[in-house]
Protein backbone atom coordinates (compact mmCIF):
# COMPACT_ATOMS: atom_id res chain seq x y z
CA MET A 1 -0.25 0.08 0.31
CA PRO A 2 1.56 3.45 -0.82
CA ASP A 3 2.17 5.86 2.03
CA GLY A 4 1.04 9.24 1.91
CA ALA A 5 3.46 11.70 0.30
CA ARG A 6 5.34 10.96 -2.42
CA LEU A 7 9.08 11.12 -1.46
CA ARG A 8 12.07 11.45 -3.26
CA ILE A 9 14.28 8.75 -1.50
CA GLY A 10 18.25 7.75 -2.00
CA VAL A 11 19.54 4.61 -0.57
CA LEU A 12 22.84 4.79 0.39
CA THR A 13 24.69 1.22 0.65
CA PHE A 14 26.92 -1.34 -0.87
CA HIS A 15 24.99 -1.90 -3.84
CA ARG A 16 28.17 -2.36 -6.31
CA CYS A 17 29.91 -5.36 -4.05
CA ILE A 18 30.18 -8.71 -5.60
CA ASN A 19 28.18 -10.19 -3.49
CA TYR A 20 24.88 -11.88 -3.59
CA GLY A 21 23.75 -10.27 -0.27
CA SER A 22 24.96 -7.07 -1.20
CA TYR A 23 22.91 -7.05 -4.52
CA TRP A 24 19.65 -8.38 -3.30
CA GLN A 25 19.39 -6.09 -0.05
CA ALA A 26 20.01 -3.15 -2.16
CA ARG A 27 17.49 -3.98 -4.72
CA CYS A 28 14.84 -5.67 -2.46
CA LEU A 29 14.97 -2.12 -0.54
CA VAL A 30 14.94 0.25 -3.46
CA GLU A 31 12.02 -2.12 -5.39
CA GLY A 32 9.87 -2.20 -1.48
CA LEU A 33 10.22 1.77 -1.29
CA ARG A 34 9.22 2.18 -4.96
CA ARG A 35 5.85 -0.34 -4.70
CA ARG A 36 5.14 1.91 -1.66
CA GLY A 37 4.74 4.89 -4.37
CA HIS A 38 8.18 6.87 -3.81
CA ASP A 39 10.79 7.67 -6.26
CA ALA A 40 13.29 5.66 -4.77
CA GLU A 41 16.97 5.13 -6.27
CA LEU A 42 20.32 3.72 -5.37
CA LEU A 43 23.18 6.45 -4.76
CA ASP A 44 25.65 5.20 -7.17
CA HIS A 45 28.48 6.09 -5.15
CA ALA A 46 31.86 5.70 -7.14
CA ALA A 47 35.76 5.02 -5.86
CA PRO A 48 38.31 3.77 -7.96
CA ARG A 49 40.43 2.54 -5.41
CA ILE A 50 37.33 0.65 -4.10
CA ASP A 51 36.60 -0.54 -7.67
CA ARG A 52 40.02 -1.96 -7.99
CA VAL A 53 39.94 -3.72 -4.58
CA GLU A 54 36.68 -5.07 -5.34
CA TRP A 55 37.31 -6.52 -8.65
CA ARG A 56 40.87 -8.39 -6.90
CA CYS A 57 38.36 -10.09 -4.65
CA ALA A 58 35.78 -10.88 -7.35
CA LEU A 59 38.74 -12.76 -8.62
CA GLN A 60 40.39 -14.27 -5.74
CA PRO A 61 37.69 -14.55 -3.40
CA LEU A 62 39.12 -17.49 -1.15
CA LEU A 63 42.30 -16.06 -0.26
CA PRO A 64 44.97 -16.45 1.38
CA ARG A 65 44.13 -19.53 -0.86
CA ARG A 66 44.82 -18.73 -4.23
CA SER A 67 42.60 -19.58 -7.30
CA ASP A 68 43.90 -21.30 -10.46
CA ARG A 69 43.60 -19.34 -13.77
CA SER A 70 40.60 -21.52 -14.61
CA ASP A 71 39.00 -20.24 -11.90
CA ILE A 72 39.73 -16.87 -12.31
CA GLN A 73 38.42 -16.67 -15.97
CA LEU A 74 34.97 -18.01 -14.47
CA TYR A 75 35.06 -15.53 -11.34
CA ALA A 76 35.59 -12.59 -13.68
CA GLU A 77 32.23 -14.16 -15.83
CA LYS A 78 30.53 -13.95 -12.67
CA ALA A 79 31.90 -10.26 -12.09
CA ARG A 80 30.45 -9.36 -15.46
CA VAL A 81 27.09 -10.68 -14.74
CA PHE A 82 27.01 -8.76 -11.54
CA ARG A 83 27.87 -5.73 -13.03
CA SER A 84 25.10 -6.07 -15.97
CA ALA A 85 22.65 -6.82 -13.39
CA ILE A 86 23.80 -3.64 -11.00
CA ASP A 87 23.61 -1.28 -14.07
CA ALA A 88 20.38 -2.25 -14.79
CA LEU A 89 19.04 -1.15 -11.05
CA PRO A 90 17.30 2.23 -10.78
CA LEU A 91 20.52 4.25 -10.27
CA SER A 92 20.91 7.85 -9.33
CA PRO A 93 23.79 9.98 -11.48
CA PRO A 94 27.27 8.40 -10.27
CA PHE A 95 29.13 11.12 -7.66
CA PRO A 96 32.41 10.35 -5.90
CA LEU A 97 32.07 8.87 -2.71
CA ASP A 98 34.43 11.73 -0.98
CA ARG A 99 31.66 14.41 -2.34
CA PRO A 100 28.72 13.31 -1.03
CA GLU A 101 27.41 16.99 -1.69
CA ALA A 102 27.43 15.97 -5.47
CA MET A 103 24.87 13.39 -5.14
CA GLY A 104 21.74 15.75 -5.94
CA ALA A 105 18.69 16.64 -4.21
CA TYR A 106 16.48 13.66 -1.90
CA ASP A 107 13.73 14.07 0.32
CA LEU A 108 14.86 11.53 2.44
CA VAL A 109 18.43 9.35 2.38
CA ILE A 110 17.88 5.82 3.62
CA VAL A 111 21.60 4.24 4.63
CA GLY A 112 21.47 0.39 4.56
CA SER A 113 20.92 -2.40 5.10
CA ASP A 114 24.48 -4.15 4.89
CA GLU A 115 27.43 -3.70 7.05
CA VAL A 116 27.53 0.40 6.55
CA TRP A 117 28.62 1.09 10.05
CA ASN A 118 31.54 -1.59 9.66
CA LEU A 119 34.93 0.00 11.26
CA SER A 120 36.95 -2.96 10.27
CA HIS A 121 35.47 -3.53 7.03
CA PRO A 122 38.76 -3.71 4.88
CA TRP A 123 37.47 -1.06 1.94
CA TYR A 124 34.42 0.62 3.06
CA GLY A 125 35.81 0.98 6.78
CA GLY A 126 35.55 4.20 8.10
CA TRP A 127 34.17 6.42 5.38
CA PRO A 128 31.83 9.30 6.68
CA VAL A 129 29.10 9.37 4.24
CA PHE A 130 27.77 5.94 5.68
CA TYR A 131 27.26 7.67 8.99
CA GLY A 132 25.31 10.47 7.47
CA SER A 133 28.58 12.88 7.37
CA GLY A 134 27.72 15.58 4.38
CA ILE A 135 24.51 14.24 2.92
CA PRO A 136 22.78 16.93 1.67
CA ALA A 137 18.97 15.74 2.58
CA PRO A 138 17.26 17.57 4.85
CA ARG A 139 16.61 13.92 6.54
CA VAL A 140 18.84 10.80 6.97
CA ALA A 141 17.70 7.63 8.41
CA SER A 142 19.04 4.00 8.50
CA TYR A 143 17.29 0.82 7.82
CA ALA A 144 18.88 -2.24 9.10
CA ALA A 145 22.25 -1.05 9.49
CA SER A 146 24.82 -3.34 10.89
CA PHE A 147 28.42 -3.09 12.11
CA GLY A 148 29.45 -6.35 10.78
CA ASN A 149 32.30 -8.05 12.37
CA TYR A 150 32.99 -4.59 14.39
CA ASP A 151 31.98 -6.34 18.01
CA ALA A 152 29.97 -4.19 20.81
CA ASP A 153 32.61 -4.92 23.40
CA ALA A 154 34.91 -2.47 21.30
CA GLY A 155 32.74 0.32 21.90
CA LEU A 156 32.57 3.41 19.15
CA ASP A 157 34.95 6.25 20.05
CA GLY A 158 33.54 9.61 20.61
CA HIS A 159 33.78 10.85 17.01
CA TRP A 160 31.72 7.90 15.46
CA ALA A 161 29.34 7.91 17.95
CA ALA A 162 28.57 11.70 17.52
CA GLN A 163 28.37 11.02 14.23
CA LEU A 164 25.09 8.87 14.76
CA GLY A 165 23.80 12.39 15.77
CA ASN A 166 23.26 12.95 11.82
CA PHE A 167 20.46 10.29 11.69
CA ALA A 168 16.57 11.75 12.30
CA ALA A 169 15.96 7.67 12.62
CA ILE A 170 18.07 4.67 13.11
CA SER A 171 16.91 1.12 13.03
CA VAL A 172 19.50 -2.01 12.94
CA ARG A 173 19.10 -5.55 11.63
CA ASP A 174 20.95 -7.32 14.50
CA PHE A 175 21.58 -7.50 18.38
CA ASN A 176 25.39 -6.56 18.33
CA SER A 177 24.40 -3.34 16.35
CA CYS A 178 22.01 -2.42 19.11
CA ARG A 179 24.18 -2.70 21.70
CA LEU A 180 26.77 -0.25 19.81
CA VAL A 181 23.62 2.09 19.09
CA ARG A 182 22.30 1.99 22.81
CA SER A 183 26.17 2.61 24.04
CA ALA A 184 26.63 5.27 21.63
CA LEU A 185 23.22 7.18 21.98
CA GLY A 186 22.00 6.00 24.96
CA GLU A 187 18.66 4.62 23.14
CA GLU A 188 17.60 1.19 21.96
CA PRO A 189 17.29 1.26 18.00
CA PRO A 190 14.28 -0.49 16.53
CA LEU A 191 15.76 -3.99 15.62
CA VAL A 192 14.27 -4.67 11.76
CA LEU A 193 14.41 -7.18 9.26
CA ASP A 194 17.12 -7.54 6.44
CA PRO A 195 15.11 -5.87 2.85
CA CYS A 196 15.28 -9.16 1.44
CA LEU A 197 12.90 -10.96 4.26
CA GLN A 198 10.96 -7.40 4.65
CA PHE A 199 10.57 -6.96 0.72
CA PRO A 200 11.12 -10.64 -0.61
CA PRO A 201 11.72 -10.45 -4.40
CA ALA A 202 9.17 -12.20 -6.91
CA SER A 203 9.65 -15.78 -7.17
CA ALA A 204 12.63 -17.38 -8.55
CA ASP A 205 11.09 -20.47 -9.01
CA SER A 206 9.74 -20.52 -12.33
CA THR A 207 12.21 -20.96 -15.54
CA ASP A 208 11.81 -22.42 -18.67
CA SER A 209 15.05 -24.77 -18.39
CA GLU A 210 14.20 -28.37 -17.49
CA PRO A 211 14.11 -28.97 -13.87
CA GLU A 212 17.54 -30.26 -12.07
CA ALA A 213 17.92 -33.25 -9.91
CA PRO A 214 17.75 -33.36 -6.60
CA TYR A 215 20.28 -30.96 -4.86
CA VAL A 216 21.74 -29.30 -1.62
CA ALA A 217 22.50 -25.75 -2.35
CA VAL A 218 26.22 -24.95 -0.90
CA TYR A 219 26.87 -21.18 -0.46
CA GLY A 220 29.98 -19.88 1.03
CA HIS A 221 33.27 -20.87 1.19
CA SER A 222 36.29 -21.98 4.02
CA PHE A 223 33.91 -23.93 5.80
CA GLY A 224 35.81 -26.28 8.51
CA GLU A 225 36.65 -29.74 7.93
CA ARG A 226 34.00 -31.20 10.43
CA PHE A 227 31.08 -29.12 9.01
CA LEU A 228 32.10 -30.45 5.20
CA GLU A 229 32.45 -34.18 6.25
CA LEU A 230 28.86 -34.04 8.24
CA ALA A 231 27.22 -32.40 5.41
CA ARG A 232 28.69 -34.85 2.66
CA ARG A 233 28.09 -37.92 4.66
CA TRP A 234 24.23 -36.46 5.18
CA ALA A 235 23.89 -35.79 1.28
CA ARG A 236 24.94 -39.27 0.36
CA ARG A 237 23.07 -41.06 2.75
CA ARG A 238 20.05 -39.25 0.97
CA GLY A 239 21.11 -39.18 -2.55
CA LEU A 240 21.56 -35.86 -2.87
CA ARG A 241 24.17 -34.19 -4.66
CA LEU A 242 26.01 -30.68 -3.41
CA LEU A 243 25.91 -27.84 -5.29
CA SER A 244 28.15 -24.82 -4.71
CA ILE A 245 27.11 -21.76 -5.90
CA GLY A 246 29.38 -18.76 -6.80
CA TYR A 247 32.55 -20.11 -4.78
CA ARG A 248 34.60 -23.29 -5.40
CA ASN A 249 34.23 -25.87 -2.75
CA ASP A 250 36.28 -28.77 -3.53
CA TRP A 251 34.07 -31.40 -1.64
CA ALA A 252 30.77 -30.20 -3.57
CA ASP A 253 29.90 -32.30 -6.47
CA GLU A 254 29.21 -29.68 -9.13
CA GLN A 255 30.50 -26.01 -9.07
CA ARG A 256 28.52 -22.92 -10.32
CA LEU A 257 31.02 -20.34 -9.98
CA THR A 258 29.55 -17.97 -12.79
CA ALA A 259 26.16 -17.53 -11.01
CA GLY A 260 24.47 -14.09 -11.29
CA PRO A 261 22.01 -12.77 -8.87
CA GLU A 262 19.02 -14.01 -10.69
CA GLU A 263 20.52 -17.72 -11.04
CA PHE A 264 21.75 -17.67 -7.18
CA ALA A 265 18.33 -16.59 -6.10
CA ARG A 266 17.15 -19.56 -8.25
CA LEU A 267 19.23 -22.13 -7.43
CA ILE A 268 18.13 -21.46 -3.45
CA ALA A 269 14.64 -21.89 -4.57
CA ARG A 270 14.79 -25.04 -6.17
CA SER A 271 17.20 -26.92 -3.72
CA ALA A 272 16.53 -29.59 -1.14
CA ALA A 273 18.20 -28.02 1.73
CA VAL A 274 21.22 -25.32 1.97
CA LEU A 275 24.51 -25.55 3.60
CA THR A 276 26.31 -21.98 4.14
CA ASN A 277 28.22 -19.83 6.43
CA PHE A 278 26.98 -16.61 4.95
CA PHE A 279 24.28 -14.13 6.49
CA HIS A 280 22.42 -14.01 3.24
CA GLY A 281 22.56 -18.01 2.79
CA CYS A 282 20.38 -17.90 5.91
CA VAL A 283 18.28 -15.13 4.62
CA PHE A 284 17.46 -16.79 1.49
CA SER A 285 16.70 -20.50 3.12
CA LEU A 286 14.60 -18.72 5.53
CA LEU A 287 12.90 -16.80 2.63
CA ASN A 288 12.14 -20.14 0.86
CA ALA A 289 11.26 -21.74 3.71
CA LYS A 290 14.36 -24.43 3.02
CA PRO A 291 15.79 -26.63 6.03
CA PHE A 292 19.62 -25.38 6.53
CA ALA A 293 22.62 -25.50 8.36
CA CYS A 294 24.76 -22.69 8.67
CA ALA A 295 28.39 -22.76 10.14
CA ALA A 296 29.35 -20.63 12.63
CA THR A 297 32.82 -18.52 11.70
CA PRO A 298 34.66 -15.81 13.63
CA TYR A 299 34.31 -13.15 10.95
CA ARG A 300 30.42 -13.62 10.61
CA ILE A 301 29.22 -14.85 13.98
CA ASN A 302 27.95 -11.64 15.13
CA LYS A 303 25.47 -11.69 11.77
CA VAL A 304 24.38 -15.27 12.01
CA ARG A 305 24.13 -15.50 15.66
CA ASP A 306 21.96 -12.90 15.99
CA LEU A 307 20.08 -13.40 12.74
CA THR A 308 19.06 -17.10 14.00
CA ARG A 309 18.23 -15.91 17.23
CA ALA A 310 16.14 -12.98 16.26
CA LEU A 311 13.82 -15.26 14.37
CA SER A 312 13.88 -18.38 16.69
CA ALA A 313 15.89 -20.46 14.52
CA GLU A 314 19.22 -21.06 16.57
CA ARG A 315 19.41 -24.65 16.07
CA HIS A 316 20.36 -23.98 12.38
CA LEU A 317 23.47 -22.30 13.57
CA ILE A 318 26.48 -25.27 13.83
CA GLU A 319 29.07 -25.03 16.12
CA ALA A 320 32.20 -27.38 16.33
CA THR A 321 30.63 -29.52 19.08
CA THR A 322 27.16 -29.83 17.57
CA PRO A 323 26.07 -33.12 17.41
CA GLU A 324 25.76 -35.08 14.05
CA ARG A 325 22.05 -36.17 15.09
CA ARG A 326 21.05 -32.21 15.45
CA PHE A 327 23.08 -31.44 12.24
CA GLU A 328 20.95 -34.00 10.24
CA GLN A 329 17.60 -33.15 12.02
CA VAL A 330 17.79 -29.11 10.79
CA LEU A 331 18.45 -30.32 7.58
CA ASP A 332 15.78 -33.52 7.33
CA ASP A 333 12.96 -31.60 9.20
CA PRO A 334 10.84 -28.70 7.84
CA LEU A 335 11.21 -25.05 9.45
CA PRO A 336 9.07 -24.80 12.42
CA PRO A 337 6.36 -22.90 12.35
CA VAL A 338 7.47 -20.49 14.85
CA ILE A 339 10.36 -19.07 12.60
CA GLY A 340 7.78 -18.15 9.83
CA ARG A 341 5.54 -16.22 12.66
CA THR A 342 8.17 -14.56 14.03
CA ILE A 343 9.55 -13.15 10.49
CA GLU A 344 5.97 -11.98 10.10
CA SER A 345 5.69 -10.42 13.46
CA LEU A 346 9.07 -8.58 12.64
CA ARG A 347 7.74 -7.39 8.97
CA GLU A 348 4.79 -5.88 10.73
CA HIS A 349 7.24 -3.89 13.24
CA SER A 350 9.71 -3.27 10.26
CA ASP A 351 6.84 -1.53 8.60
CA ARG A 352 5.71 0.73 11.49
CA TYR A 353 9.47 1.96 11.45
CA LEU A 354 9.68 2.41 7.61
CA ARG A 355 5.98 4.26 7.94
CA ALA A 356 7.18 6.79 10.39
CA VAL A 357 10.41 7.31 8.59
CA VAL A 358 8.90 8.32 5.49
CA ALA A 359 5.87 10.21 7.16
């Protein structure tokens, strides 16, 4: 249902990352705002240094393990598919990331989702614009912003805490970010859904291609040895092949390294279950009501721990000591109804926040 006045809204996020989650959270948020009747577009910031680093990461995503030449060619094709998909999104005229005053005129700028406040991010960390600095809009708000792996125990120094005062309204997507904002501002920010869950994309399960044999989607990389051993044993017992999406996992039966964002969404939607260690691997599993097991890793523990906790899906987070029986149960059993109910409740809560922001 459209909101009241039609606003010109700029969405500031990490939309040009060669990353399925970054692409889909950006697309879902801007499309969700447009469906509500607003003139929303992604703020197309540019920084040549970041573009170079992003491409290097896209071609060598498994560092410190180096990809061989044949895989680099496949990753390059994946990056080209991503660039085409990104260029097809509703984009503002480009502007330099270090000159936010050049972004144009907007009634409201929404910062987020993604790790927009992660001071530890290897190439976006510490850019003032993501903290609202220098944005020329009369109002700046956040939606589902995150500090990523920047842990709340580290706290924010006075400078970055003060920068949060640039926001007329703040919402976050994880408890770690709640703690940081609460410590900095003395107030509890609303916890809202990632845009992919708040504004689900159109079903990706329709395709003219022949249906594939049953498979388990593998999304992520650098899984621990025990997790992959449990996964292979479980899949073998059930006659399911392992299909790795976007990254090489030699323990999988098939690699789809060139998959673009649409193919990623379709492959998750058509899978029997999902094995992941990425935040949006969990999100797209939940979105499609797929059984999933998420390996806990140090870099992403804040995000995946808090997501599964918020949605009553803690059993799907797999630690090194998780019994094999539980690993098998979370992949064999349908998602419990409480998860769907929790998502619906959080959608209503997130909707109330957004309606207040655009009022």
